[in-house]
């Protein structure tokens, strides 16, 4: 017997609800994120974490009693790569991007504003053969070999190697924007925690090996394949 459109819709909602609850439950124990390069998983490594715990959520921006739809999220990015023996300032993290659900726009870098970082939205990348779009990326303006360009020509930008894999280590970034809610159905939407947002983090490393540009992209070691 044929199934009515209403019944099919109800079944779809039920499946989405179960999938979402399983997804969110699997994230409950996440403490922080170890990042490994896709090409050089032992040479290009990072550690990305929320300010204090898995319960940290982006803070809403309000105007009086009105909501703006914007929130502020802060997170730490550490470059835990071992310094190269031939060049101890390398490899460096020169970009931090986030793959988020939806097609949000309107993100703004709040801090740091004195280290040359720029925010770029909707950046296409390929991760392990999978094309995707990064919602926004914090990018150090460097040339193909990782040196600063424009007003910072020749400077060493980005995050240096040799930092510890611990919460609060590295550079603290704060970004405002329309950070997404969870997908819980039919429960009211609530903000994804910062640790959940970090699930989609992508780091770019420059100078991983001695010869040539040697660029690598790193993702969370437990990211779904």
C-alpha atoms as a PDB file:
ATOM      1  CA  UNK A   1       0.000   0.000   0.000  1.00  0.00           C
ATOM      2  CA  UNK A   2       1.293   3.465  -0.903  1.00  0.00           C
ATOM      3  CA  UNK A   3       2.530   5.697   1.906  1.00  0.00           C
ATOM      4  CA  UNK A   4       0.993   9.164   2.172  1.00  0.00           C
ATOM      5  CA  UNK A   5       3.215  12.283   1.940  1.00  0.00           C
ATOM      6  CA  UNK A   6       2.341  13.116   5.560  1.00  0.00           C
ATOM      7  CA  UNK A   7       3.455   9.691   6.766  1.00  0.00           C
ATOM      8  CA  UNK A   8       6.697   9.923   4.796  1.00  0.00           C
ATOM      9  CA  UNK A   9       7.384  13.370   6.271  1.00  0.00           C
ATOM     10  CA  UNK A  10       6.715  12.103   9.808  1.00  0.00           C
ATOM     11  CA  UNK A  11       9.063   9.163   9.282  1.00  0.00           C
ATOM     12  CA  UNK A  12      11.773  11.458   7.899  1.00  0.00           C
ATOM     13  CA  UNK A  13      11.497  13.795  10.901  1.00  0.00           C
ATOM     14  CA  UNK A  14      11.746  10.816  13.251  1.00  0.00           C
ATOM     15  CA  UNK A  15      14.889   9.530  11.515  1.00  0.00           C
ATOM     16  CA  UNK A  16      16.486  12.994  11.592  1.00  0.00           C
ATOM     17  CA  UNK A  17      15.676  13.307  15.287  1.00  0.00           C
ATOM     18  CA  UNK A  18      17.337   9.996  16.118  1.00  0.00           C
ATOM     19  CA  UNK A  19      20.389  10.801  13.965  1.00  0.00           C
ATOM     20  CA  UNK A  20      20.766  14.227  15.590  1.00  0.00           C
ATOM     21  CA  UNK A  21      20.484  12.872  19.125  1.00  0.00           C
ATOM     22  CA  UNK A  22      23.090  10.201  18.388  1.00  0.00           C
ATOM     23  CA  UNK A  23      25.373  12.860  16.867  1.00  0.00           C
ATOM     24  CA  UNK A  24      25.060  15.213  19.829  1.00  0.00           C
ATOM     25  CA  UNK A  25      25.456  12.414  22.360  1.00  0.00           C
ATOM     26  CA  UNK A  26      28.656  11.274  20.678  1.00  0.00           C
ATOM     27  CA  UNK A  27      30.061  14.775  21.186  1.00  0.00           C
ATOM     28  CA  UNK A  28      29.258  14.970  24.876  1.00  0.00           C
ATOM     29  CA  UNK A  29      32.600  13.587  26.020  1.00  0.00           C
ATOM     30  CA  UNK A  30      34.763  15.648  23.644  1.00  0.00           C
ATOM     31  CA  UNK A  31      37.281  17.699  25.614  1.00  0.00           C
ATOM     32  CA  UNK A  32      39.453  19.288  22.930  1.00  0.00           C
ATOM     33  CA  UNK A  33      40.651  18.582  19.432  1.00  0.00           C
ATOM     34  CA  UNK A  34      43.950  17.126  18.267  1.00  0.00           C
ATOM     35  CA  UNK A  35      44.626  18.191  14.673  1.00  0.00           C
ATOM     36  CA  UNK A  36      46.775  16.168  12.277  1.00  0.00           C
ATOM     37  CA  UNK A  37      47.957  16.993   8.780  1.00  0.00           C
ATOM     38  CA  UNK A  38      46.398  15.004   5.967  1.00  0.00           C
ATOM     39  CA  UNK A  39      49.758  14.626   4.190  1.00  0.00           C
ATOM     40  CA  UNK A  40      52.115  14.741   7.169  1.00  0.00           C
ATOM     41  CA  UNK A  41      50.175  13.595  10.262  1.00  0.00           C
ATOM     42  CA  UNK A  42      53.312  13.405  12.413  1.00  0.00           C
ATOM     43  CA  UNK A  43      54.945  16.641  11.239  1.00  0.00           C
ATOM     44  CA  UNK A  44      51.932  18.990  11.074  1.00  0.00           C
ATOM     45  CA  UNK A  45      49.914  18.884  14.302  1.00  0.00           C
ATOM     46  CA  UNK A  46      47.755  21.286  16.272  1.00  0.00           C
ATOM     47  CA  UNK A  47      45.471  21.550  19.272  1.00  0.00           C
ATOM     48  CA  UNK A  48      42.222  23.542  19.188  1.00  0.00           C
ATOM     49  CA  UNK A  49      39.985  24.045  22.220  1.00  0.00           C
ATOM     50  CA  UNK A  50      37.203  26.131  23.721  1.00  0.00           C
ATOM     51  CA  UNK A  51      38.049  28.583  26.551  1.00  0.00           C
ATOM     52  CA  UNK A  52      37.147  26.376  29.507  1.00  0.00           C
ATOM     53  CA  UNK A  53      35.009  23.290  28.866  1.00  0.00           C
ATOM     54  CA  UNK A  54      32.761  21.365  26.520  1.00  0.00           C
ATOM     55  CA  UNK A  55      29.784  23.412  27.782  1.00  0.00           C
ATOM     56  CA  UNK A  56      31.136  26.725  26.419  1.00  0.00           C
ATOM     57  CA  UNK A  57      28.662  28.228  23.944  1.00  0.00           C
ATOM     58  CA  UNK A  58      28.879  31.303  21.715  1.00  0.00           C
ATOM     59  CA  UNK A  59      27.633  34.388  23.579  1.00  0.00           C
ATOM     60  CA  UNK A  60      24.617  36.161  21.995  1.00  0.00           C
ATOM     61  CA  UNK A  61      24.916  39.804  20.971  1.00  0.00           C
ATOM     62  CA  UNK A  62      21.835  41.779  21.984  1.00  0.00           C
ATOM     63  CA  UNK A  63      20.636  45.321  21.352  1.00  0.00           C
ATOM     64  CA  UNK A  64      18.672  46.299  24.416  1.00  0.00           C
ATOM     65  CA  UNK A  65      16.017  43.612  24.708  1.00  0.00           C
ATOM     66  CA  UNK A  66      16.339  42.584  21.060  1.00  0.00           C
ATOM     67  CA  UNK A  67      18.455  39.759  19.683  1.00  0.00           C
ATOM     68  CA  UNK A  68      20.671  40.360  16.669  1.00  0.00           C
ATOM     69  CA  UNK A  69      21.044  36.754  15.539  1.00  0.00           C
ATOM     70  CA  UNK A  70      24.796  37.096  16.110  1.00  0.00           C
ATOM     71  CA  UNK A  71      26.986  35.412  18.696  1.00  0.00           C
ATOM     72  CA  UNK A  72      30.627  35.627  19.756  1.00  0.00           C
ATOM     73  CA  UNK A  73      32.761  32.493  19.926  1.00  0.00           C
ATOM     74  CA  UNK A  74      36.307  32.386  21.298  1.00  0.00           C
ATOM     75  CA  UNK A  75      38.712  29.480  20.909  1.00  0.00           C
ATOM     76  CA  UNK A  76      42.404  28.697  21.215  1.00  0.00           C
ATOM     77  CA  UNK A  77      44.658  27.402  18.436  1.00  0.00           C
ATOM     78  CA  UNK A  78      48.050  25.918  19.317  1.00  0.00           C
ATOM     79  CA  UNK A  79      50.668  24.723  16.849  1.00  0.00           C
ATOM     80  CA  UNK A  80      51.992  21.560  18.475  1.00  0.00           C
ATOM     81  CA  UNK A  81      54.203  20.627  15.528  1.00  0.00           C
ATOM     82  CA  UNK A  82      57.821  19.914  16.432  1.00  0.00           C
ATOM     83  CA  UNK A  83      60.104  22.677  15.182  1.00  0.00           C
ATOM     84  CA  UNK A  84      62.185  21.675  12.188  1.00  0.00           C
ATOM     85  CA  UNK A  85      65.833  21.041  13.058  1.00  0.00           C
ATOM     86  CA  UNK A  86      66.995  23.039  10.021  1.00  0.00           C
ATOM     87  CA  UNK A  87      64.534  25.919  10.559  1.00  0.00           C
ATOM     88  CA  UNK A  88      63.131  26.163  14.114  1.00  0.00           C
ATOM     89  CA  UNK A  89      60.506  28.790  13.177  1.00  0.00           C
ATOM     90  CA  UNK A  90      58.715  26.257  10.962  1.00  0.00           C
ATOM     91  CA  UNK A  91      56.161  24.768  10.302  1.00  0.00           C
ATOM     92  CA  UNK A  92      53.708  27.574  11.020  1.00  0.00           C
ATOM     93  CA  UNK A  93      49.904  27.621  11.154  1.00  0.00           C
ATOM     94  CA  UNK A  94      48.901  30.243   8.599  1.00  0.00           C
ATOM     95  CA  UNK A  95      45.135  29.717   8.436  1.00  0.00           C
ATOM     96  CA  UNK A  96      42.305  28.504  10.666  1.00  0.00           C
ATOM     97  CA  UNK A  97      39.028  27.624   8.962  1.00  0.00           C
ATOM     98  CA  UNK A  98      35.673  26.186  10.010  1.00  0.00           C
ATOM     99  CA  UNK A  99      33.359  23.922   8.044  1.00  0.00           C
ATOM    100  CA  UNK A 100      29.901  24.667   9.487  1.00  0.00           C
ATOM    101  CA  UNK A 101      26.383  23.482   8.624  1.00  0.00           C
ATOM    102  CA  UNK A 102      24.328  25.891   6.528  1.00  0.00           C
ATOM    103  CA  UNK A 103      25.435  28.827   4.385  1.00  0.00           C
ATOM    104  CA  UNK A 104      25.833  31.560   6.964  1.00  0.00           C
ATOM    105  CA  UNK A 105      27.614  34.824   6.175  1.00  0.00           C
ATOM    106  CA  UNK A 106      28.525  37.899   8.186  1.00  0.00           C
ATOM    107  CA  UNK A 107      31.404  36.656  10.361  1.00  0.00           C
ATOM    108  CA  UNK A 108      33.871  39.200  11.777  1.00  0.00           C
ATOM    109  CA  UNK A 109      37.231  38.777  13.482  1.00  0.00           C
ATOM    110  CA  UNK A 110      37.213  40.548  16.853  1.00  0.00           C
ATOM    111  CA  UNK A 111      40.638  39.517  18.133  1.00  0.00           C
ATOM    112  CA  UNK A 112      43.540  39.458  17.691  1.00  0.00           C
ATOM    113  CA  UNK A 113      43.621  42.517  15.450  1.00  0.00           C
ATOM    114  CA  UNK A 114      47.352  43.271  15.665  1.00  0.00           C
ATOM    115  CA  UNK A 115      48.866  40.094  14.202  1.00  0.00           C
ATOM    116  CA  UNK A 116      47.868  40.409  10.552  1.00  0.00           C
ATOM    117  CA  UNK A 117      45.012  37.881  10.515  1.00  0.00           C
ATOM    118  CA  UNK A 118      42.240  38.434   7.965  1.00  0.00           C
ATOM    119  CA  UNK A 119      38.793  36.812   7.817  1.00  0.00           C
ATOM    120  CA  UNK A 120      37.586  35.354   4.514  1.00  0.00           C
ATOM    121  CA  UNK A 121      34.181  33.715   4.011  1.00  0.00           C
ATOM    122  CA  UNK A 122      33.087  30.783   1.838  1.00  0.00           C
ATOM    123  CA  UNK A 123      36.501  29.334   0.981  1.00  0.00           C
ATOM    124  CA  UNK A 124      36.483  26.238  -1.277  1.00  0.00           C
ATOM    125  CA  UNK A 125      38.947  23.506  -0.239  1.00  0.00           C
ATOM    126  CA  UNK A 126      39.523  19.821  -0.915  1.00  0.00           C
ATOM    127  CA  UNK A 127      40.065  17.579   2.107  1.00  0.00           C
ATOM    128  CA  UNK A 128      41.308  14.065   1.353  1.00  0.00           C
ATOM    129  CA  UNK A 129      39.698  14.237  -2.081  1.00  0.00           C
ATOM    130  CA  UNK A 130      36.427  15.644  -0.729  1.00  0.00           C
ATOM    131  CA  UNK A 131      35.554  19.132  -2.015  1.00  0.00           C
ATOM    132  CA  UNK A 132      33.880  21.317   0.595  1.00  0.00           C
ATOM    133  CA  UNK A 133      33.371  24.954   1.527  1.00  0.00           C
ATOM    134  CA  UNK A 134      34.818  26.533   4.648  1.00  0.00           C
ATOM    135  CA  UNK A 135      32.266  28.923   6.201  1.00  0.00           C
ATOM    136  CA  UNK A 136      35.020  31.306   7.243  1.00  0.00           C
ATOM    137  CA  UNK A 137      38.792  31.211   7.534  1.00  0.00           C
ATOM    138  CA  UNK A 138      41.210  33.320   9.548  1.00  0.00           C
ATOM    139  CA  UNK A 139      44.146  33.749   7.194  1.00  0.00           C
ATOM    140  CA  UNK A 140      47.623  35.183   7.673  1.00  0.00           C
ATOM    141  CA  UNK A 141      48.491  37.032   4.423  1.00  0.00           C
ATOM    142  CA  UNK A 142      51.504  35.035   3.246  1.00  0.00           C
ATOM    143  CA  UNK A 143      53.077  34.047  -0.054  1.00  0.00           C
ATOM    144  CA  UNK A 144      53.422  30.416  -1.243  1.00  0.00           C
ATOM    145  CA  UNK A 145      56.477  29.867   0.972  1.00  0.00           C
ATOM    146  CA  UNK A 146      54.751  31.258   4.071  1.00  0.00           C
ATOM    147  CA  UNK A 147      56.317  34.726   4.318  1.00  0.00           C
ATOM    148  CA  UNK A 148      54.211  37.833   4.873  1.00  0.00           C
ATOM    149  CA  UNK A 149      53.121  39.967   1.944  1.00  0.00           C
ATOM    150  CA  UNK A 150      51.810  43.511   1.441  1.00  0.00           C
ATOM    151  CA  UNK A 151      52.520  45.706   4.467  1.00  0.00           C
ATOM    152  CA  UNK A 152      54.059  42.738   6.281  1.00  0.00           C
ATOM    153  CA  UNK A 153      56.320  41.643   3.444  1.00  0.00           C
ATOM    154  CA  UNK A 154      58.878  39.099   4.577  1.00  0.00           C
ATOM    155  CA  UNK A 155      57.569  38.836   8.152  1.00  0.00           C
ATOM    156  CA  UNK A 156      57.004  35.546   9.931  1.00  0.00           C
ATOM    157  CA  UNK A 157      53.236  35.505  10.401  1.00  0.00           C
ATOM    158  CA  UNK A 158      50.948  32.837  11.793  1.00  0.00           C
ATOM    159  CA  UNK A 159      51.421  30.577  14.802  1.00  0.00           C
ATOM    160  CA  UNK A 160      54.923  29.185  15.499  1.00  0.00           C
ATOM    161  CA  UNK A 161      55.631  25.520  16.330  1.00  0.00           C
ATOM    162  CA  UNK A 162      56.475  23.866  19.622  1.00  0.00           C
ATOM    163  CA  UNK A 163      53.405  24.847  21.654  1.00  0.00           C
ATOM    164  CA  UNK A 164      51.890  22.484  24.246  1.00  0.00           C
ATOM    165  CA  UNK A 165      48.696  20.507  23.596  1.00  0.00           C
ATOM    166  CA  UNK A 166      46.733  22.013  26.462  1.00  0.00           C
ATOM    167  CA  UNK A 167      43.631  24.158  26.829  1.00  0.00           C
ATOM    168  CA  UNK A 168      44.489  27.845  26.651  1.00  0.00           C
ATOM    169  CA  UNK A 169      47.728  27.259  24.757  1.00  0.00           C
ATOM    170  CA  UNK A 170      48.495  29.162  21.563  1.00  0.00           C
ATOM    171  CA  UNK A 171      46.570  32.073  20.086  1.00  0.00           C
ATOM    172  CA  UNK A 172      43.101  33.042  21.272  1.00  0.00           C
ATOM    173  CA  UNK A 173      40.706  34.035  18.494  1.00  0.00           C
ATOM    174  CA  UNK A 174      37.297  35.654  18.989  1.00  0.00           C
ATOM    175  CA  UNK A 175      34.836  35.803  16.091  1.00  0.00           C
ATOM    176  CA  UNK A 176      31.312  37.190  15.859  1.00  0.00           C
ATOM    177  CA  UNK A 177      28.718  35.916  13.435  1.00  0.00           C
ATOM    178  CA  UNK A 178      25.591  33.828  12.835  1.00  0.00           C
ATOM    179  CA  UNK A 179      26.907  30.651  14.442  1.00  0.00           C
ATOM    180  CA  UNK A 180      24.442  27.797  13.825  1.00  0.00           C
ATOM    181  CA  UNK A 181      22.113  26.099  16.274  1.00  0.00           C
ATOM    182  CA  UNK A 182      21.906  22.362  16.715  1.00  0.00           C
ATOM    183  CA  UNK A 183      19.540  20.343  14.535  1.00  0.00           C
ATOM    184  CA  UNK A 184      17.404  18.905  17.325  1.00  0.00           C
ATOM    185  CA  UNK A 185      13.850  18.119  16.187  1.00  0.00           C
ATOM    186  CA  UNK A 186      11.317  18.924  17.587  1.00  0.00           C
ATOM    187  CA  UNK A 187      13.169  20.420  20.595  1.00  0.00           C
ATOM    188  CA  UNK A 188      13.824  24.188  20.492  1.00  0.00           C
ATOM    189  CA  UNK A 189      17.115  25.059  18.786  1.00  0.00           C
ATOM    190  CA  UNK A 190      20.052  25.749  21.085  1.00  0.00           C
ATOM    191  CA  UNK A 191      23.535  26.994  20.166  1.00  0.00           C
ATOM    192  CA  UNK A 192      26.088  24.392  19.277  1.00  0.00           C
ATOM    193  CA  UNK A 193      28.860  24.430  21.869  1.00  0.00           C
ATOM    194  CA  UNK A 194      32.217  25.819  20.832  1.00  0.00           C
ATOM    195  CA  UNK A 195      33.731  22.347  21.056  1.00  0.00           C
ATOM    196  CA  UNK A 196      31.062  21.092  18.640  1.00  0.00           C
ATOM    197  CA  UNK A 197      31.853  23.942  16.253  1.00  0.00           C
ATOM    198  CA  UNK A 198      35.520  22.957  16.425  1.00  0.00           C
ATOM    199  CA  UNK A 199      34.615  19.550  14.968  1.00  0.00           C
ATOM    200  CA  UNK A 200      34.787  21.245  11.565  1.00  0.00           C
ATOM    201  CA  UNK A 201      38.101  23.059  12.094  1.00  0.00           C
ATOM    202  CA  UNK A 202      40.783  23.009   9.376  1.00  0.00           C
ATOM    203  CA  UNK A 203      44.336  24.257   9.934  1.00  0.00           C
ATOM    204  CA  UNK A 204      46.747  25.230   7.150  1.00  0.00           C
ATOM    205  CA  UNK A 205      50.457  24.621   7.768  1.00  0.00           C
ATOM    206  CA  UNK A 206      53.313  26.219   5.833  1.00  0.00           C
ATOM    207  CA  UNK A 207      56.889  24.986   5.760  1.00  0.00           C
ATOM    208  CA  UNK A 208      56.236  21.429   6.897  1.00  0.00           C
ATOM    209  CA  UNK A 209      59.259  20.067   4.995  1.00  0.00           C
ATOM    210  CA  UNK A 210      62.531  21.775   4.038  1.00  0.00           C
ATOM    211  CA  UNK A 211      62.063  21.925   0.269  1.00  0.00           C
ATOM    212  CA  UNK A 212      59.478  24.013  -1.573  1.00  0.00           C
ATOM    213  CA  UNK A 213      56.274  25.531  -0.146  1.00  0.00           C
ATOM    214  CA  UNK A 214      55.352  22.246   1.618  1.00  0.00           C
ATOM    215  CA  UNK A 215      51.779  23.164   2.574  1.00  0.00           C
ATOM    216  CA  UNK A 216      49.496  20.788   4.459  1.00  0.00           C
ATOM    217  CA  UNK A 217      45.913  20.924   5.727  1.00  0.00           C
ATOM    218  CA  UNK A 218      45.092  19.443   9.115  1.00  0.00           C
ATOM    219  CA  UNK A 219      41.734  18.288  10.491  1.00  0.00           C
ATOM    220  CA  UNK A 220      40.463  16.807  13.762  1.00  0.00           C
ATOM    221  CA  UNK A 221      41.900  13.322  14.116  1.00  0.00           C
ATOM    222  CA  UNK A 222      38.428  11.921  14.966  1.00  0.00           C
ATOM    223  CA  UNK A 223      36.563  13.722  12.195  1.00  0.00           C
ATOM    224  CA  UNK A 224      34.039  11.562  10.268  1.00  0.00           C
ATOM    225  CA  UNK A 225      35.449  10.261   6.982  1.00  0.00           C
END
